[in-house]
Every structure is written in C-alpha cells, then in structure tokens.
Amino acid sequence: MARLAPAYALRRPTETALYALVRDHLETFLAHARETYDAPLPRYVQNELRGYLLCGVFAHGLNLLLADGSVSFTKKGFDETTMRAMITRAGGEQIDISKLDP
C-alpha cells in the first residue's frame, strides 16, 4: 500500500529563535556597527537583515518561485497586471519583474 505524503505543516517564521534574535537586536546591532566601524554596514546588508523580518510573513508579501529556479520575495502592493501575466500561461507577455517590488 502506498504511503501518503505527510500533512503540510504551516511555517511560523516569527516563532523561531533566529527571528526573535534579529527582531530584538537588529537596530542595536546596526547602531553599534555605525559607531564602532570606520564605515557603516553596506546598505544591501542592512536591507537584507530588515527584509528577513518580512520574509515568510504573508501580511507583508509573498515568495515567488520563478522559472529559472530562483525565489524572489515580493512586497505587498506589487503591480497587479504584472502578477496576472506571471500566473497565467495564456498571453506570452513580456514581464518586467522590477514592477513586482513597489
């Protein structure tokens, strides 16, 4: 008899120890870096750390798995026409993925 796949377990990213650590100490860490080092952390590093707190929390947006195998987090408020073109197969539209990040 074939085994059934296990039931889907909803991820709860905001309940992990790493999430709590980043949430509770990120701004203190960034202030420390600004005061201690010759130059602040690069903006992209700061953005990635702040973005981590949004990733997986669907109130802020959603993750998109793209045809090239990459995954992109898209913030809430993205361009609806572009999103519709991405999730339908009918039109063959050219898609500007930059319009998905408001």
N, C-alpha and C. Protein backbone atom coordinates (compact mmCIF):
# COMPACT_ATOMS: atom_id res chain seq x y z
N MET A 1 0.84 -1.18 0.00
CA MET A 1 0.00 0.00 0.00
C MET A 1 0.89 1.25 0.00
N ALA A 2 0.56 2.20 -0.84
CA ALA A 2 1.35 3.43 -0.96
C ALA A 2 1.21 4.29 0.28
N ARG A 3 2.29 4.93 0.65
CA ARG A 3 2.26 5.83 1.80
C ARG A 3 1.80 7.21 1.34
N LEU A 4 1.00 7.82 2.13
CA LEU A 4 0.57 9.19 1.85
C LEU A 4 1.65 10.16 2.27
N ALA A 5 1.71 11.26 1.55
CA ALA A 5 2.65 12.31 1.94
C ALA A 5 2.22 12.88 3.29
N PRO A 6 3.19 13.29 4.11
CA PRO A 6 2.81 13.88 5.39
C PRO A 6 2.00 15.15 5.18
N ALA A 7 1.16 15.45 6.13
CA ALA A 7 0.34 16.67 6.05
C ALA A 7 1.25 17.90 6.05
N TYR A 8 0.83 18.90 5.32
CA TYR A 8 1.59 20.15 5.27
C TYR A 8 1.60 20.81 6.64
N ALA A 9 2.77 21.19 7.08
CA ALA A 9 2.91 21.90 8.36
C ALA A 9 3.19 23.36 8.05
N LEU A 10 2.30 24.23 8.43
CA LEU A 10 2.44 25.66 8.19
C LEU A 10 3.69 26.19 8.86
N ARG A 11 4.50 26.92 8.11
CA ARG A 11 5.69 27.56 8.67
C ARG A 11 5.26 28.72 9.55
N ARG A 12 5.96 28.91 10.62
CA ARG A 12 5.72 30.04 11.51
C ARG A 12 7.05 30.75 11.74
N PRO A 13 7.51 31.49 10.73
CA PRO A 13 8.85 32.09 10.82
C PRO A 13 9.01 33.04 12.00
N THR A 14 7.93 33.67 12.41
CA THR A 14 8.05 34.64 13.51
C THR A 14 8.21 33.96 14.87
N GLU A 15 8.11 32.63 14.90
CA GLU A 15 8.23 31.91 16.17
C GLU A 15 9.60 31.24 16.33
N THR A 16 10.53 31.48 15.41
CA THR A 16 11.84 30.86 15.52
C THR A 16 12.78 31.69 16.39
N ALA A 17 13.79 31.03 16.93
CA ALA A 17 14.77 31.72 17.77
C ALA A 17 15.55 32.75 16.95
N LEU A 18 15.88 32.41 15.70
CA LEU A 18 16.62 33.35 14.87
C LEU A 18 15.81 34.62 14.60
N TYR A 19 14.53 34.45 14.29
CA TYR A 19 13.67 35.60 14.04
C TYR A 19 13.63 36.50 15.28
N ALA A 20 13.44 35.90 16.45
CA ALA A 20 13.39 36.69 17.70
C ALA A 20 14.70 37.43 17.93
N LEU A 21 15.82 36.77 17.65
CA LEU A 21 17.13 37.40 17.84
C LEU A 21 17.30 38.61 16.92
N VAL A 22 16.97 38.43 15.64
CA VAL A 22 17.10 39.54 14.68
C VAL A 22 16.12 40.66 15.03
N ARG A 23 14.87 40.32 15.32
CA ARG A 23 13.85 41.31 15.66
C ARG A 23 14.27 42.13 16.88
N ASP A 24 14.75 41.46 17.90
CA ASP A 24 15.04 42.14 19.17
C ASP A 24 16.34 42.91 19.17
N HIS A 25 17.29 42.56 18.30
CA HIS A 25 18.62 43.16 18.40
C HIS A 25 19.13 43.83 17.13
N LEU A 26 18.35 43.82 16.06
CA LEU A 26 18.85 44.35 14.78
C LEU A 26 19.24 45.81 14.88
N GLU A 27 18.35 46.65 15.35
CA GLU A 27 18.64 48.08 15.37
C GLU A 27 19.82 48.40 16.31
N THR A 28 19.91 47.69 17.43
CA THR A 28 21.05 47.87 18.34
C THR A 28 22.34 47.48 17.65
N PHE A 29 22.31 46.36 16.93
CA PHE A 29 23.48 45.91 16.19
C PHE A 29 23.90 46.93 15.13
N LEU A 30 22.93 47.44 14.37
CA LEU A 30 23.25 48.42 13.32
C LEU A 30 23.81 49.70 13.92
N ALA A 31 23.27 50.16 15.05
CA ALA A 31 23.80 51.35 15.72
C ALA A 31 25.22 51.10 16.19
N HIS A 32 25.46 49.93 16.75
CA HIS A 32 26.81 49.56 17.20
C HIS A 32 27.79 49.56 16.03
N ALA A 33 27.37 49.01 14.90
CA ALA A 33 28.23 48.97 13.72
C ALA A 33 28.55 50.38 13.24
N ARG A 34 27.54 51.27 13.24
CA ARG A 34 27.78 52.66 12.81
C ARG A 34 28.78 53.37 13.72
N GLU A 35 28.66 53.13 15.02
CA GLU A 35 29.52 53.82 15.99
C GLU A 35 30.91 53.21 16.11
N THR A 36 31.05 51.93 15.80
CA THR A 36 32.29 51.21 16.05
C THR A 36 33.21 51.14 14.84
N TYR A 37 32.65 50.96 13.67
CA TYR A 37 33.46 50.73 12.48
C TYR A 37 33.68 52.02 11.70
N ASP A 38 34.72 52.02 10.88
CA ASP A 38 35.05 53.20 10.08
C ASP A 38 33.93 53.55 9.11
N ALA A 39 33.25 52.55 8.61
CA ALA A 39 32.15 52.77 7.68
C ALA A 39 30.96 51.92 8.14
N PRO A 40 29.74 52.40 7.89
CA PRO A 40 28.57 51.60 8.28
C PRO A 40 28.50 50.33 7.42
N LEU A 41 27.70 49.40 7.85
CA LEU A 41 27.47 48.22 7.03
C LEU A 41 26.89 48.66 5.69
N PRO A 42 27.23 47.98 4.61
CA PRO A 42 26.65 48.35 3.31
C PRO A 42 25.12 48.34 3.38
N ARG A 43 24.51 49.22 2.63
CA ARG A 43 23.05 49.34 2.63
C ARG A 43 22.37 48.01 2.29
N TYR A 44 22.95 47.25 1.34
CA TYR A 44 22.32 45.98 0.97
C TYR A 44 22.31 45.00 2.14
N VAL A 45 23.32 45.03 3.00
CA VAL A 45 23.35 44.16 4.17
C VAL A 45 22.25 44.57 5.14
N GLN A 46 22.12 45.87 5.37
CA GLN A 46 21.05 46.35 6.24
C GLN A 46 19.68 45.99 5.68
N ASN A 47 19.51 46.17 4.38
CA ASN A 47 18.22 45.84 3.75
C ASN A 47 17.91 44.35 3.84
N GLU A 48 18.91 43.50 3.65
CA GLU A 48 18.70 42.05 3.75
C GLU A 48 18.29 41.65 5.17
N LEU A 49 18.94 42.24 6.16
CA LEU A 49 18.59 41.92 7.55
C LEU A 49 17.18 42.39 7.88
N ARG A 50 16.82 43.58 7.44
CA ARG A 50 15.45 44.07 7.67
C ARG A 50 14.45 43.25 6.88
N GLY A 51 14.82 42.86 5.65
CA GLY A 51 13.95 42.05 4.81
C GLY A 51 13.70 40.67 5.39
N TYR A 52 14.66 40.15 6.13
CA TYR A 52 14.49 38.85 6.77
C TYR A 52 13.26 38.85 7.68
N LEU A 53 13.01 39.98 8.34
CA LEU A 53 11.86 40.07 9.25
C LEU A 53 10.54 40.07 8.49
N LEU A 54 10.56 40.35 7.20
CA LEU A 54 9.33 40.33 6.38
C LEU A 54 9.12 39.00 5.67
N CYS A 55 10.22 38.33 5.35
CA CYS A 55 10.15 37.11 4.54
C CYS A 55 9.38 36.01 5.25
N GLY A 56 8.43 35.44 4.56
CA GLY A 56 7.63 34.36 5.12
C GLY A 56 6.42 34.83 5.88
N VAL A 57 6.30 36.13 6.08
CA VAL A 57 5.13 36.68 6.76
C VAL A 57 4.24 37.24 5.66
N PHE A 58 3.19 36.51 5.32
CA PHE A 58 2.40 36.82 4.15
C PHE A 58 1.64 38.13 4.25
N ALA A 59 1.54 38.70 5.43
CA ALA A 59 0.93 40.03 5.57
C ALA A 59 1.77 41.09 4.87
N HIS A 60 3.06 40.78 4.65
CA HIS A 60 3.98 41.72 4.02
C HIS A 60 4.19 41.46 2.53
N GLY A 61 3.86 40.27 2.07
CA GLY A 61 4.09 39.92 0.67
C GLY A 61 4.11 38.42 0.49
N LEU A 62 4.75 37.96 -0.58
CA LEU A 62 4.80 36.53 -0.84
C LEU A 62 6.09 36.16 -1.57
N ASN A 63 6.43 34.89 -1.48
CA ASN A 63 7.59 34.37 -2.20
C ASN A 63 7.15 33.86 -3.56
N LEU A 64 7.92 34.18 -4.58
CA LEU A 64 7.63 33.71 -5.93
C LEU A 64 8.74 32.76 -6.36
N LEU A 65 8.37 31.60 -6.84
CA LEU A 65 9.32 30.68 -7.43
C LEU A 65 9.29 30.94 -8.93
N LEU A 66 10.40 31.36 -9.48
CA LEU A 66 10.47 31.73 -10.89
C LEU A 66 10.95 30.54 -11.73
N ALA A 67 10.71 30.62 -13.01
CA ALA A 67 11.02 29.52 -13.92
C ALA A 67 12.51 29.18 -13.96
N ASP A 68 13.37 30.14 -13.62
CA ASP A 68 14.80 29.86 -13.62
C ASP A 68 15.26 29.18 -12.33
N GLY A 69 14.30 28.91 -11.43
CA GLY A 69 14.62 28.23 -10.18
C GLY A 69 14.89 29.16 -9.03
N SER A 70 14.96 30.45 -9.28
CA SER A 70 15.21 31.40 -8.19
C SER A 70 13.92 31.71 -7.45
N VAL A 71 14.07 32.22 -6.24
CA VAL A 71 12.93 32.62 -5.42
C VAL A 71 13.08 34.09 -5.11
N SER A 72 12.00 34.83 -5.24
CA SER A 72 12.03 36.27 -5.00
C SER A 72 10.90 36.64 -4.06
N PHE A 73 11.20 37.39 -3.00
CA PHE A 73 10.16 37.89 -2.11
C PHE A 73 9.60 39.17 -2.71
N THR A 74 8.30 39.23 -2.85
CA THR A 74 7.63 40.38 -3.44
C THR A 74 6.76 41.02 -2.38
N LYS A 75 6.97 42.32 -2.18
CA LYS A 75 6.22 43.03 -1.16
C LYS A 75 4.77 43.22 -1.56
N LYS A 76 3.92 43.35 -0.56
CA LYS A 76 2.51 43.62 -0.79
C LYS A 76 2.40 44.95 -1.54
N GLY A 77 1.47 45.03 -2.47
CA GLY A 77 1.28 46.25 -3.24
C GLY A 77 1.96 46.21 -4.60
N PHE A 78 2.36 45.03 -5.05
CA PHE A 78 3.01 44.88 -6.34
C PHE A 78 2.05 45.20 -7.48
N ASP A 79 2.60 45.36 -8.67
CA ASP A 79 1.82 45.67 -9.86
C ASP A 79 0.95 44.47 -10.24
N GLU A 80 -0.37 44.62 -10.16
CA GLU A 80 -1.29 43.51 -10.38
C GLU A 80 -1.25 42.98 -11.81
N THR A 81 -1.10 43.86 -12.79
CA THR A 81 -1.06 43.42 -14.19
C THR A 81 0.14 42.50 -14.42
N THR A 82 1.27 42.88 -13.86
CA THR A 82 2.47 42.05 -14.00
C THR A 82 2.27 40.71 -13.32
N MET A 83 1.68 40.73 -12.12
CA MET A 83 1.44 39.47 -11.41
C MET A 83 0.50 38.57 -12.20
N ARG A 84 -0.57 39.12 -12.75
CA ARG A 84 -1.51 38.30 -13.54
C ARG A 84 -0.80 37.68 -14.74
N ALA A 85 0.09 38.44 -15.36
CA ALA A 85 0.84 37.91 -16.51
C ALA A 85 1.73 36.75 -16.07
N MET A 86 2.25 36.81 -14.87
CA MET A 86 3.14 35.76 -14.39
C MET A 86 2.40 34.48 -14.04
N ILE A 87 1.18 34.58 -13.57
CA ILE A 87 0.49 33.38 -13.08
C ILE A 87 -0.46 32.77 -14.11
N THR A 88 -0.52 33.35 -15.29
CA THR A 88 -1.33 32.75 -16.36
C THR A 88 -0.40 32.32 -17.48
N ARG A 89 -0.81 31.34 -18.23
CA ARG A 89 0.04 30.87 -19.32
C ARG A 89 -0.48 31.27 -20.68
N ALA A 90 -1.53 32.05 -20.73
CA ALA A 90 -2.21 32.32 -21.99
C ALA A 90 -1.53 33.37 -22.86
N GLY A 91 -0.97 34.41 -22.27
CA GLY A 91 -0.64 35.58 -23.06
C GLY A 91 0.73 35.66 -23.68
N GLY A 92 1.72 34.96 -23.15
CA GLY A 92 3.07 35.09 -23.67
C GLY A 92 3.66 36.48 -23.46
N GLU A 93 3.18 37.19 -22.43
CA GLU A 93 3.59 38.56 -22.18
C GLU A 93 5.06 38.65 -21.77
N GLN A 94 5.67 39.76 -22.10
CA GLN A 94 6.98 40.09 -21.58
C GLN A 94 6.75 40.66 -20.18
N ILE A 95 7.51 40.20 -19.21
CA ILE A 95 7.28 40.61 -17.83
C ILE A 95 8.49 41.37 -17.30
N ASP A 96 8.21 42.54 -16.73
CA ASP A 96 9.23 43.34 -16.08
C ASP A 96 9.14 43.05 -14.59
N ILE A 97 10.01 42.17 -14.10
CA ILE A 97 9.93 41.74 -12.70
C ILE A 97 10.19 42.88 -11.72
N SER A 98 10.83 43.94 -12.16
CA SER A 98 11.08 45.07 -11.27
C SER A 98 9.78 45.74 -10.81
N LYS A 99 8.70 45.55 -11.58
CA LYS A 99 7.41 46.14 -11.20
C LYS A 99 6.76 45.39 -10.05
N LEU A 100 7.33 44.26 -9.66
CA LEU A 100 6.77 43.50 -8.55
C LEU A 100 7.25 44.00 -7.20
N ASP A 101 8.22 44.88 -7.18
CA ASP A 101 8.77 45.39 -5.92
C ASP A 101 8.44 46.86 -5.80
N PRO A 102 7.32 47.19 -5.12
CA PRO A 102 6.89 48.60 -5.06
C PRO A 102 7.86 49.48 -4.33
